[in-house]
Protein backbone atom coordinates (compact mmCIF):
# COMPACT_ATOMS: atom_id res chain seq x y z
CA UNK A 1 18.92 42.18 70.54
CA UNK A 2 20.12 45.30 72.35
CA UNK A 3 17.52 47.64 73.73
CA UNK A 4 17.41 51.30 72.63
CA UNK A 5 18.75 52.31 76.06
CA UNK A 6 21.78 50.06 75.65
CA UNK A 7 22.43 51.40 72.15
CA UNK A 8 22.22 54.98 73.43
CA UNK A 9 24.60 54.19 76.32
CA UNK A 10 27.01 52.60 73.89
CA UNK A 11 26.93 55.68 71.61
CA UNK A 12 27.51 57.96 74.63
CA UNK A 13 30.41 55.86 75.84
CA UNK A 14 31.95 55.89 72.34
CA UNK A 15 31.57 59.67 72.11
CA UNK A 16 33.17 60.16 75.55
CA UNK A 17 36.11 58.03 74.55
CA UNK A 18 36.90 60.23 71.49
CA UNK A 19 39.53 62.93 71.55
CA UNK A 20 38.66 66.59 70.96
CA UNK A 21 39.82 66.45 67.32
CA UNK A 22 37.71 63.36 66.68
CA UNK A 23 34.68 64.98 68.32
CA UNK A 24 35.00 68.10 66.10
CA UNK A 25 35.47 65.97 62.97
CA UNK A 26 32.40 63.88 63.82
CA UNK A 27 30.29 66.99 64.47
CA UNK A 28 31.30 68.42 61.07
CA UNK A 29 30.38 65.17 59.28
CA UNK A 30 27.00 65.02 61.06
CA UNK A 31 26.27 68.69 60.20
CA UNK A 32 27.11 68.09 56.53
CA UNK A 33 24.89 65.02 56.36
CA UNK A 34 21.97 66.77 58.10
CA UNK A 35 22.35 69.87 55.92
CA UNK A 36 22.32 67.76 52.76
CA UNK A 37 19.19 65.94 53.86
CA UNK A 38 17.46 69.24 54.69
CA UNK A 39 18.41 70.74 51.33
CA UNK A 40 17.15 67.68 49.48
CA UNK A 41 13.90 67.82 51.46
CA UNK A 42 13.44 71.52 50.73
CA UNK A 43 14.19 71.05 47.06
CA UNK A 44 11.62 68.27 46.89
CA UNK A 45 9.02 70.51 48.42
CA UNK A 46 9.77 73.41 46.03
CA UNK A 47 9.64 71.07 43.06
CA UNK A 48 6.03 70.37 43.80
CA UNK A 49 5.13 73.99 42.93
CA UNK A 50 4.67 75.18 39.36
CA UNK A 51 4.24 78.63 37.81
CA UNK A 52 0.62 79.69 37.55
CA UNK A 53 1.25 83.09 35.91
CA UNK A 54 4.41 85.04 35.24
CA UNK A 55 5.20 88.54 34.02
CA UNK A 56 2.15 90.04 35.75
CA UNK A 57 1.87 93.70 36.60
CA UNK A 58 1.12 94.69 40.18
CA UNK A 59 -2.61 95.17 39.66
CA UNK A 60 -3.14 91.74 38.06
CA UNK A 61 -0.86 90.01 40.60
CA UNK A 62 -2.84 91.55 43.47
CA UNK A 63 -6.17 90.41 42.08
CA UNK A 64 -4.89 86.88 41.48
CA UNK A 65 -3.46 86.65 45.00
CA UNK A 66 -6.76 87.85 46.46
CA UNK A 67 -8.67 85.14 44.56
CA UNK A 68 -6.21 82.48 45.76
CA UNK A 69 -6.65 83.58 49.35
CA UNK A 70 -10.44 83.51 49.02
CA UNK A 71 -10.29 79.98 47.65
CA UNK A 72 -7.67 78.94 50.30
CA UNK A 73 -5.20 77.75 47.71
CA UNK A 74 -1.53 77.73 48.82
CA UNK A 75 0.78 79.87 46.71
CA UNK A 76 4.27 81.33 46.55
CA UNK A 77 5.64 84.51 44.99
CA UNK A 78 8.85 84.79 43.01
CA UNK A 79 10.49 87.18 40.57
CA UNK A 80 9.63 90.20 42.78
CA UNK A 81 5.95 89.26 42.81
CA UNK A 82 5.73 89.01 39.04
CA UNK A 83 5.35 85.22 39.10
CA UNK A 84 2.88 83.23 41.19
CA UNK A 85 3.41 79.51 41.98
CA UNK A 86 0.78 77.03 43.15
CA UNK A 87 0.91 73.26 43.83
CA UNK A 88 1.60 71.33 40.65
CA UNK A 89 -1.53 69.21 41.05
CA UNK A 90 -3.79 72.32 41.03
CA UNK A 91 -2.08 74.58 38.49
CA UNK A 92 -4.36 73.79 35.51
CA UNK A 93 -7.57 73.79 37.53
CA UNK A 94 -6.73 77.17 39.16
CA UNK A 95 -5.73 78.64 35.81
CA UNK A 96 -9.07 77.68 34.22
CA UNK A 97 -11.00 78.95 37.23
CA UNK A 98 -9.30 82.33 37.14
CA UNK A 99 -9.71 82.55 33.34
CA UNK A 100 -13.43 82.10 33.79
CA UNK A 101 -13.41 85.19 36.02
CA UNK A 102 -11.38 87.21 33.50
CA UNK A 103 -8.04 87.07 35.34
CA UNK A 104 -5.43 88.15 34.70
CA UNK A 105 -6.82 91.13 32.87
CA UNK A 106 -3.53 92.35 31.39
CA UNK A 107 -3.81 95.81 29.84
CA UNK A 108 -6.62 97.28 31.87
CA UNK A 109 -10.31 96.91 31.42
CA UNK A 110 -11.73 95.30 28.28
CA UNK A 111 -15.13 94.58 26.83
CA UNK A 112 -16.13 92.87 30.07
CA UNK A 113 -17.07 96.34 31.28
CA UNK A 114 -20.37 95.84 29.40
CA UNK A 115 -21.16 92.60 31.26
CA UNK A 116 -22.78 94.62 34.02
CA UNK A 117 -25.35 96.96 32.58
CA UNK A 118 -26.88 99.75 34.63
CA UNK A 119 -29.86 101.90 33.85
CA UNK A 120 -29.53 105.64 33.56
CA UNK A 121 -26.20 105.76 31.71
CA UNK A 122 -25.90 108.63 29.25
CA UNK A 123 -24.70 108.33 25.70
CA UNK A 124 -21.45 110.07 26.67
CA UNK A 125 -20.71 107.46 29.35
CA UNK A 126 -21.46 104.64 26.86
CA UNK A 127 -19.06 106.08 24.29
CA UNK A 128 -16.40 106.61 26.96
CA UNK A 129 -16.74 103.00 28.17
CA UNK A 130 -16.48 101.76 24.61
CA UNK A 131 -13.27 103.72 24.09
CA UNK A 132 -11.81 102.38 27.34
CA UNK A 133 -12.73 98.80 26.39
CA UNK A 134 -11.23 99.20 22.90
CA UNK A 135 -7.99 100.54 24.35
CA UNK A 136 -7.79 97.69 26.85
CA UNK A 137 -8.45 94.99 24.25
CA UNK A 138 -5.82 96.41 21.93
CA UNK A 139 -3.30 96.53 24.78
CA UNK A 140 -4.01 92.87 25.57
CA UNK A 141 -3.49 91.89 21.98
CA UNK A 142 -0.18 93.75 21.76
CA UNK A 143 0.99 92.05 24.95
CA UNK A 144 0.73 88.70 23.17
CA UNK A 145 3.94 89.59 21.32
CA UNK A 146 6.83 87.72 22.90
CA UNK A 147 9.02 90.81 23.37
CA UNK A 148 6.27 92.98 24.93
CA UNK A 149 5.85 92.88 28.71
CA UNK A 150 3.32 95.67 29.11
CA UNK A 151 1.40 97.87 26.68
CA UNK A 152 -0.94 100.84 26.79
CA UNK A 153 -3.02 102.37 24.00
CA UNK A 154 -4.44 105.88 23.95
CA UNK A 155 -7.02 106.78 21.31
CA UNK A 156 -8.04 110.39 20.72
CA UNK A 157 -11.37 110.61 18.89
CA UNK A 158 -12.33 114.19 17.84
CA UNK A 159 -15.87 115.45 18.18
CA UNK A 160 -18.02 114.77 15.13
CA UNK A 161 -19.01 117.73 12.97
CA UNK A 162 -21.84 118.18 10.49
CA UNK A 163 -19.46 119.93 8.09
CA UNK A 164 -17.13 117.77 6.11
CA UNK A 165 -14.32 120.35 6.04
CA UNK A 166 -14.34 120.54 9.83
CA UNK A 167 -13.98 116.82 10.45
CA UNK A 168 -10.68 115.68 11.92
CA UNK A 169 -9.27 112.12 11.81
CA UNK A 170 -8.67 110.15 15.03
CA UNK A 171 -5.16 109.64 16.39
CA UNK A 172 -3.55 106.97 18.56
CA UNK A 173 -0.47 106.65 20.79
CA UNK A 174 1.02 103.29 21.82
CA UNK A 175 3.48 102.74 24.67
CA UNK A 176 5.18 99.35 25.13
CA UNK A 177 7.53 97.97 27.79
CA UNK A 178 9.91 95.36 26.39
CA UNK A 179 11.32 92.29 28.18
CA UNK A 180 14.91 92.86 29.22
CA UNK A 181 17.04 93.74 26.20
CA UNK A 182 14.61 92.45 23.61
CA UNK A 183 13.84 94.67 20.63
CA UNK A 184 11.00 94.83 18.15
CA UNK A 185 11.91 94.28 14.52
CA UNK A 186 10.67 96.55 11.76
CA UNK A 187 8.15 93.94 10.69
CA UNK A 188 6.74 93.63 14.23
CA UNK A 189 6.48 97.39 14.59
CA UNK A 190 4.50 97.66 11.38
CA UNK A 191 2.29 94.78 12.52
CA UNK A 192 1.38 96.60 15.76
CA UNK A 193 0.71 99.88 13.94
CA UNK A 194 -1.51 98.28 11.33
CA UNK A 195 -3.30 96.29 14.01
CA UNK A 196 -4.35 99.45 15.83
CA UNK A 197 -5.19 101.27 12.62
CA UNK A 198 -7.49 98.47 11.49
CA UNK A 199 -9.34 98.35 14.82
CA UNK A 200 -10.33 102.04 14.97
CA UNK A 201 -12.66 103.41 12.26
CA UNK A 202 -11.09 106.28 10.31
CA UNK A 203 -7.62 105.80 11.83
CA UNK A 204 -4.64 105.60 9.47
CA UNK A 205 -1.06 104.61 10.11
CA UNK A 206 0.07 108.19 9.51
CA UNK A 207 -1.73 109.23 12.73
CA UNK A 208 -0.17 106.58 15.00
CA UNK A 209 2.90 107.01 17.22
CA UNK A 210 4.68 104.06 18.85
CA UNK A 211 7.21 104.52 21.69
CA UNK A 212 8.75 102.35 24.40
CA UNK A 213 9.20 103.08 28.09
CA UNK A 214 12.90 103.91 27.49
CA UNK A 215 11.88 106.97 25.49
CA UNK A 216 12.78 105.58 22.06
CA UNK A 217 10.54 106.53 19.16
CA UNK A 218 9.76 103.34 17.25
CA UNK A 219 7.22 104.61 14.70
CA UNK A 220 5.84 107.96 13.58
CA UNK A 221 4.51 109.62 10.44
CA UNK A 222 7.22 109.94 7.83
CA UNK A 223 8.14 113.43 6.71
CA UNK A 224 7.12 114.47 3.23
CA UNK A 225 9.49 117.41 2.88
CA UNK A 226 12.01 117.53 0.07
CA UNK A 227 15.52 116.52 0.93
CA UNK A 228 14.54 114.71 4.14
CA UNK A 229 16.18 111.30 4.41
CA UNK A 230 14.23 109.20 6.86
CA UNK A 231 15.42 106.30 8.94
CA UNK A 232 13.62 103.82 6.70
CA UNK A 233 15.39 105.23 3.65
CA UNK A 234 18.79 104.97 5.33
CA UNK A 235 18.02 101.42 6.40
CA UNK A 236 16.94 100.53 2.86
CA UNK A 237 20.15 102.04 1.40
CA UNK A 238 22.31 100.12 3.88
CA UNK A 239 20.43 96.90 3.11
CA UNK A 240 21.07 97.36 -0.64
CA UNK A 241 24.77 97.91 -0.04
CA UNK A 242 25.09 94.99 2.39
CA UNK A 243 23.24 92.63 0.02
CA UNK A 244 25.54 93.50 -2.89
CA UNK A 245 28.64 93.18 -0.69
CA UNK A 246 27.60 89.71 0.45
CA UNK A 247 26.98 88.65 -3.14
CA UNK A 248 30.46 89.70 -4.21
CA UNK A 249 32.31 88.25 -1.24
CA UNK A 250 30.45 84.90 -1.18
CA UNK A 251 31.03 84.43 -4.88
CA UNK A 252 34.75 85.28 -4.90
CA UNK A 253 35.47 83.26 -1.73
CA UNK A 254 34.55 80.16 -3.69
CA UNK A 255 37.48 80.96 -6.00
CA UNK A 256 40.22 82.58 -3.86
CA UNK A 257 39.37 81.12 -0.44
CA UNK A 258 37.51 82.07 2.72
CA UNK A 259 38.42 85.44 4.34
CA UNK A 260 40.61 86.40 1.41
CA UNK A 261 38.20 88.86 -0.19
CA UNK A 262 37.02 92.24 1.05
CA UNK A 263 34.34 94.20 -0.84
CA UNK A 264 32.74 97.58 -0.17
CA UNK A 265 29.72 98.92 -2.00
CA UNK A 266 28.43 102.51 -2.10
CA UNK A 267 24.95 102.97 -3.57
CA UNK A 268 23.67 106.36 -4.62
CA UNK A 269 19.92 106.10 -4.19
CA UNK A 270 17.18 108.29 -5.61
CA UNK A 271 14.28 108.69 -3.19
CA UNK A 272 12.51 111.46 -5.08
CA UNK A 273 8.79 110.86 -5.64
CA UNK A 274 7.67 111.68 -9.18
CA UNK A 275 4.13 111.89 -10.50
CA UNK A 276 4.14 112.10 -14.30
CA UNK A 277 1.25 112.23 -16.78
CA UNK A 278 1.98 111.67 -20.46
CA UNK A 279 -0.46 112.34 -23.32
CA UNK A 280 0.68 111.36 -26.82
CA UNK A 281 -1.04 111.67 -30.25
CA UNK A 282 -0.39 109.51 -33.31
CA UNK A 283 -1.17 111.48 -36.51
CA UNK A 284 -0.74 108.39 -38.64
CA UNK A 285 -3.53 106.53 -36.95
CA UNK A 286 -6.59 108.55 -38.07
CA UNK A 287 -10.13 107.27 -37.75
CA UNK A 288 -13.26 108.83 -39.31
CA UNK A 289 -15.41 109.83 -36.41
CA UNK A 290 -18.40 111.34 -38.40
CA UNK A 291 -19.26 112.18 -42.02
CA UNK A 292 -21.99 114.50 -43.42
CA UNK A 293 -22.84 114.79 -47.17
CA UNK A 294 -25.21 117.41 -48.72
CA UNK A 295 -26.29 117.39 -52.42
CA UNK A 296 -28.54 120.03 -54.10
CA UNK A 297 -29.91 119.69 -57.72
CA UNK A 298 -32.29 122.09 -59.69
CA UNK A 299 -33.37 120.96 -63.25
CA UNK A 300 -36.65 122.87 -63.74
CA UNK A 301 -37.62 123.95 -67.46
CA UNK A 302 -39.53 127.08 -68.98
CA UNK A 303 -38.69 130.72 -69.10
CA UNK A 304 -36.79 132.09 -66.31
CA UNK A 305 -38.17 135.27 -64.75
CA UNK A 306 -36.06 138.18 -65.80
CA UNK A 307 -35.86 141.82 -65.02
CA UNK A 308 -35.51 143.72 -61.87
CA UNK A 309 -37.97 142.68 -59.27
CA UNK A 310 -40.48 145.40 -58.41
CA UNK A 311 -39.77 147.57 -61.48
CA UNK A 312 -42.45 148.35 -64.05
CA UNK A 313 -42.81 150.44 -67.16
CA UNK A 314 -40.08 151.34 -69.53
CA UNK A 315 -37.31 150.55 -67.11
CA UNK A 316 -38.59 147.00 -66.87
CA UNK A 317 -38.90 146.73 -70.66
CA UNK A 318 -35.36 147.97 -71.05
CA UNK A 319 -34.14 145.44 -68.61
CA UNK A 320 -35.90 142.62 -70.39
CA UNK A 321 -34.43 143.63 -73.73
CA UNK A 322 -30.95 144.00 -72.36
CA UNK A 323 -30.89 140.63 -70.51
CA UNK A 324 -32.99 138.58 -72.86
CA UNK A 325 -30.15 137.17 -74.89
CA UNK A 326 -28.22 136.17 -71.93
CA UNK A 327 -31.23 134.60 -70.26
CA UNK A 328 -32.03 132.52 -73.25
CA UNK A 329 -28.56 131.05 -73.53
CA UNK A 330 -28.13 130.22 -69.77
CA UNK A 331 -28.55 126.77 -68.28
CA UNK A 332 -31.92 125.87 -67.08
CA UNK A 333 -30.66 123.85 -63.83
CA UNK A 334 -27.74 123.34 -61.27
CA UNK A 335 -26.17 120.73 -58.86
CA UNK A 336 -24.23 121.37 -55.52
CA UNK A 337 -22.49 118.75 -53.35
CA UNK A 338 -21.28 119.44 -49.78
CA UNK A 339 -19.27 116.80 -47.77
CA UNK A 340 -18.19 117.28 -44.08
CA UNK A 341 -15.89 114.65 -42.43
CA UNK A 342 -14.63 114.66 -38.79
CA UNK A 343 -11.46 112.63 -38.00
CA UNK A 344 -10.36 111.28 -34.56
CA UNK A 345 -6.61 111.15 -33.93
CA UNK A 346 -5.27 108.24 -31.74
CA UNK A 347 -4.39 109.48 -28.24
CA UNK A 348 -2.66 107.67 -25.32
CA UNK A 349 -2.61 108.94 -21.71
CA UNK A 350 -0.16 107.50 -19.10
CA UNK A 351 -0.15 108.33 -15.42
CA UNK A 352 3.14 107.24 -13.86
CA UNK A 353 3.86 107.46 -10.13
CA UNK A 354 7.44 106.72 -9.08
CA UNK A 355 7.81 106.34 -5.31
CA UNK A 356 11.59 106.51 -5.39
CA UNK A 357 14.16 104.11 -4.06
CA UNK A 358 15.92 103.45 -7.36
CA UNK A 359 19.69 103.12 -7.73
CA UNK A 360 21.31 106.07 -9.45
CA UNK A 361 24.89 104.89 -9.30
CA UNK A 362 26.98 102.05 -7.83
CA UNK A 363 30.63 102.17 -6.74
CA UNK A 364 32.23 98.84 -5.88
CA UNK A 365 35.76 98.36 -4.51
CA UNK A 366 37.07 94.77 -4.18
CA UNK A 367 40.37 93.76 -2.61
CA UNK A 368 41.60 90.23 -3.34
CA UNK A 369 44.49 88.54 -1.57
CA UNK A 370 47.18 87.00 -3.75
CA UNK A 371 48.93 83.66 -3.52
CA UNK A 372 51.88 82.71 -1.30
CA UNK A 373 54.84 80.44 -1.78
CA UNK A 374 56.19 78.65 1.30
CA UNK A 375 59.92 78.50 1.75
CA UNK A 376 62.21 77.14 4.45
CA UNK A 377 65.59 78.78 5.19
CA UNK A 378 68.77 77.17 6.52
CA UNK A 379 67.64 77.51 10.11
CA UNK A 380 64.45 75.63 9.39
CA UNK A 381 62.26 78.74 9.71
CA UNK A 382 59.21 78.76 7.50
CA UNK A 383 58.21 81.95 5.62
CA UNK A 384 55.69 82.91 2.97
CA UNK A 385 56.42 84.99 -0.10
CA UNK A 386 53.60 87.04 -1.62
CA UNK A 387 52.78 86.56 -5.30
CA UNK A 388 50.16 88.81 -6.99
CA UNK A 389 47.48 87.33 -9.16
CA UNK A 390 47.84 87.43 -12.93
CA UNK A 391 46.14 90.22 -15.00
CA UNK A 392 44.01 87.65 -16.81
CA UNK A 393 42.70 86.28 -13.52
CA UNK A 394 41.93 89.81 -12.29
CA UNK A 395 39.97 90.56 -15.47
CA UNK A 396 37.92 87.43 -14.92
CA UNK A 397 37.21 88.39 -11.35
CA UNK A 398 36.16 91.88 -12.42
CA UNK A 399 33.71 90.43 -14.94
CA UNK A 400 32.23 88.25 -12.21
CA UNK A 401 31.80 91.25 -9.95
CA UNK A 402 30.08 93.31 -12.66
CA UNK A 403 27.62 90.55 -13.44
CA UNK A 404 26.90 89.96 -9.76
CA UNK A 405 25.99 93.58 -8.94
CA UNK A 406 24.18 94.36 -12.21
CA UNK A 407 26.77 96.75 -13.66
CA UNK A 408 25.28 99.48 -15.88
CA UNK A 409 27.81 101.62 -17.79
CA UNK A 410 25.23 104.15 -18.88
CA UNK A 411 24.30 104.76 -15.27
CA UNK A 412 27.92 105.57 -14.46
CA UNK A 413 28.71 102.55 -12.27
CA UNK A 414 32.30 102.01 -11.21
CA UNK A 415 34.02 98.71 -10.33
CA UNK A 416 37.59 98.39 -9.13
CA UNK A 417 39.20 94.99 -8.35
CA UNK A 418 42.75 94.96 -6.98
CA UNK A 419 45.11 92.23 -5.85
CA UNK A 420 46.82 93.27 -2.59
CA UNK A 421 48.52 91.38 0.25
CA UNK A 422 46.37 91.15 3.36
CA UNK A 423 47.77 91.96 6.80
CA UNK A 424 49.23 88.97 8.69
CA UNK A 425 49.05 86.93 5.51
CA UNK A 426 52.83 86.40 5.51
CA UNK A 427 52.63 84.59 8.83
CA UNK A 428 52.37 80.82 8.26
CA UNK A 429 49.28 79.13 9.53
CA UNK A 430 49.83 77.22 12.79
CA UNK A 431 49.97 73.46 12.62
CA UNK A 432 46.69 71.82 13.55
CA UNK A 433 46.49 70.64 17.16
CA UNK A 434 46.06 66.86 17.27
CA UNK A 435 44.18 67.17 20.56
CA UNK A 436 41.63 69.61 19.09
CA UNK A 437 39.16 66.85 18.19
CA UNK A 438 39.32 65.50 21.72
CA UNK A 439 38.95 68.88 23.39
CA UNK A 440 35.12 68.81 23.34
CA UNK A 441 35.07 65.38 24.95
CA UNK A 442 37.52 66.46 27.64
CA UNK A 443 35.44 69.53 28.41
CA UNK A 444 32.34 67.36 28.61
CA UNK A 445 34.02 64.95 31.06
CA UNK A 446 35.80 67.63 33.14
CA UNK A 447 33.03 68.43 35.64
CA UNK A 448 31.96 64.80 36.29
CA UNK A 449 35.60 63.91 36.95
CA UNK A 450 35.94 66.83 39.38
CA UNK A 451 32.82 65.70 41.24
CA UNK A 452 34.12 62.13 41.39
CA UNK A 453 37.50 63.32 42.72
CA UNK A 454 35.82 65.39 45.46
CA UNK A 455 33.67 62.41 46.45
CA UNK A 456 36.76 60.14 46.66
CA UNK A 457 38.61 62.69 48.81
CA UNK A 458 35.65 62.96 51.19
CA UNK A 459 35.46 59.16 51.49
CA UNK A 460 39.21 58.74 52.04
CA UNK A 461 39.92 61.61 54.43
CA UNK A 462 36.58 62.05 56.23
CA UNK A 463 34.35 59.01 56.17
CA UNK A 464 37.03 56.28 56.31
CA UNK A 465 38.95 57.71 59.33
CA UNK A 466 35.68 58.25 61.17
CA UNK A 467 34.59 54.66 60.54
CA UNK A 468 38.00 53.40 61.61
CA UNK A 469 37.75 55.27 64.91
CA UNK A 470 34.29 53.86 65.54
CA UNK A 471 35.48 50.31 64.86
CA UNK A 472 38.43 50.69 67.23
CA UNK A 473 36.18 51.97 69.99
CA UNK A 474 33.78 49.08 69.49
CA UNK A 475 36.71 46.63 69.70
CA UNK A 476 37.93 48.21 72.92
CA UNK A 477 34.45 48.10 74.41
CA UNK A 478 34.15 44.42 73.47
CA UNK A 479 37.54 43.59 75.06
CA UNK A 480 36.64 45.44 78.26
CA UNK A 481 33.34 43.56 78.47
CA UNK A 482 35.13 40.22 78.08
CA UNK A 483 37.56 41.06 80.90
CA UNK A 484 34.72 42.02 83.20
CA UNK A 485 32.94 38.79 82.38
CA UNK A 486 35.90 36.53 83.29
CA UNK A 487 36.77 38.55 86.44
CA UNK A 488 40.28 39.56 85.32
CA UNK A 489 41.56 42.63 87.13
CA UNK A 490 44.78 44.45 86.86
CA UNK A 491 46.86 45.96 89.69
CA UNK A 492 45.28 48.71 91.72
CA UNK A 493 46.17 52.18 90.63
CA UNK A 494 45.53 54.91 93.19
CA UNK A 495 43.54 52.57 95.43
CA UNK A 496 41.17 51.64 92.68
CA UNK A 497 41.34 48.27 91.05
CA UNK A 498 41.67 48.80 87.31
CA UNK A 499 39.98 46.31 85.11
CA UNK A 500 42.34 44.79 82.61
CA UNK A 501 41.63 43.20 79.34
CA UNK A 502 40.54 39.61 79.11
CA UNK A 503 43.74 37.62 78.82
CA UNK A 504 42.04 34.32 78.50
CA UNK A 505 40.55 35.12 75.15
CA UNK A 506 37.55 32.89 75.73
CA UNK A 507 36.07 31.41 72.61
CA UNK A 508 33.36 33.47 70.92
CA UNK A 509 32.93 31.53 67.77
CA UNK A 510 36.65 31.99 66.91
CA UNK A 511 39.77 30.22 68.05
CA UNK A 512 42.36 32.01 70.16
CA UNK A 513 44.79 32.00 67.27
CA UNK A 514 42.25 33.68 64.97
CA UNK A 515 41.36 36.28 67.61
CA UNK A 516 45.03 37.08 68.25
CA UNK A 517 45.64 37.33 64.51
CA UNK A 518 42.76 39.75 64.03
CA UNK A 519 43.76 41.82 67.04
CA UNK A 520 47.33 42.09 65.72
CA UNK A 521 45.99 43.32 62.38
CA UNK A 522 43.55 45.85 63.79
CA UNK A 523 45.72 47.23 66.66
CA UNK A 524 49.36 46.04 66.74
CA UNK A 525 50.18 48.09 69.86
CA UNK A 526 47.48 46.49 71.95
CA UNK A 527 48.46 43.05 70.63
CA UNK A 528 52.08 43.61 71.69
CA UNK A 529 50.95 44.85 75.08
CA UNK A 530 48.80 41.74 75.53
CA UNK A 531 51.72 39.44 74.69
CA UNK A 532 53.92 41.23 77.24
CA UNK A 533 51.30 40.72 79.96
CA UNK A 534 51.10 37.00 79.16
CA UNK A 535 54.87 36.75 79.48
CA UNK A 536 54.86 38.50 82.84
CA UNK A 537 52.15 36.20 84.15
CA UNK A 538 54.08 33.12 83.08
CA UNK A 539 57.26 34.44 84.71
């Protein structure tokens, strides 16, 4: 077995025997191989790190890095310091350790501000700390939304007053920073607003403002003025129109074909708020509420006192004589009945509150493409001839549209369905490509084939020539060693005896014929030169 020194000397001798082009080519191959090994080694080292936290603000990232330095845990920063990576074997342990210490805080200070109590704090400081903690906790909760990167909450609590008329409600302002081009939907905006309103006593959604860091106003109190059309109302109107349009198009496309129907809907909405109170009486439905009956009867007998009270003497006697006849013939008793009834009339009171958003009128315009007849002329050119749809078919389509949108003639709705040729409809459809179904497979195999082709080119034009050169040099070195072993020398050139190749071809496990055959295959020029030398020696 060759020693390391002999192997090194052999490599040096091979390198010295190469031409300049071969040396440059070998250096390039070695540099590529070494660079690939280094890149694979570096990639393996980076793969051992995993993300501990990402999307951190500068304050939280600084605190986390300080804790990692104190605990002597290796880490790396990426994403401009917003992401921190630690060894994969320690990521969960470090995350739990930092969570026990309240890191990352995310959104400022929270209720952990009360973990450390100090004596001598005034009531004002306690209320201020509570407000700071509440703002921080709300900001942390809002940051749990996927689209929100950072959030801040500001709560303004007015000073309490002993007079009810002087009390003012609290207000709140929310600022959010979104991730990239993400946007908050209407449902998510309302969720954030109601979340903050429910966390603060006395706070309503009307006193909350939500903005983002780009300056866009996401939520504010809706105006109550007459004639003011808010963004929500416009969105609601557009949603009604788009829903009705999709209903019409999806239904008619099942009959006339895909992309052969166009519908447009205009909805006249009524957003007026109406509070109405109705009070109605039914005179036919009477109910006795109370009844009072009074009966008086006097049936006493005997003479009835006559005359003028308080008069005596002749005047009294005259009065008795004058009224005696009448008094004797009058009734001696009387009866009086008195009935009082109170009736209650049926009454109905309705309090109706209409918040608006009803449809006042609908206008629908529908355009339907007709049918086409294909014809071929003398030159073999294909063309399409437009043919409108029949009136009966159009009436059926119009009935379908009216039923789909809820047509109301009393409301003044209008529906118009027309059969018109669409643009580019006269152009015949292109013939289907037979290779279309194989296109996806070809695209899937394209990159692997390119990689395979590059690898084959490198093997054929870089690695194979280099290996061939090394094999030739090894063969030359072996032939020179054999000549030196058998003491064969060529003629002196310049006073120096040049060693020639071994012409005896001593056996080395192969016959002379086999060695000559292999030499002729590997290097025909050297084989021819060897034969010429043998001929000269024999001559």
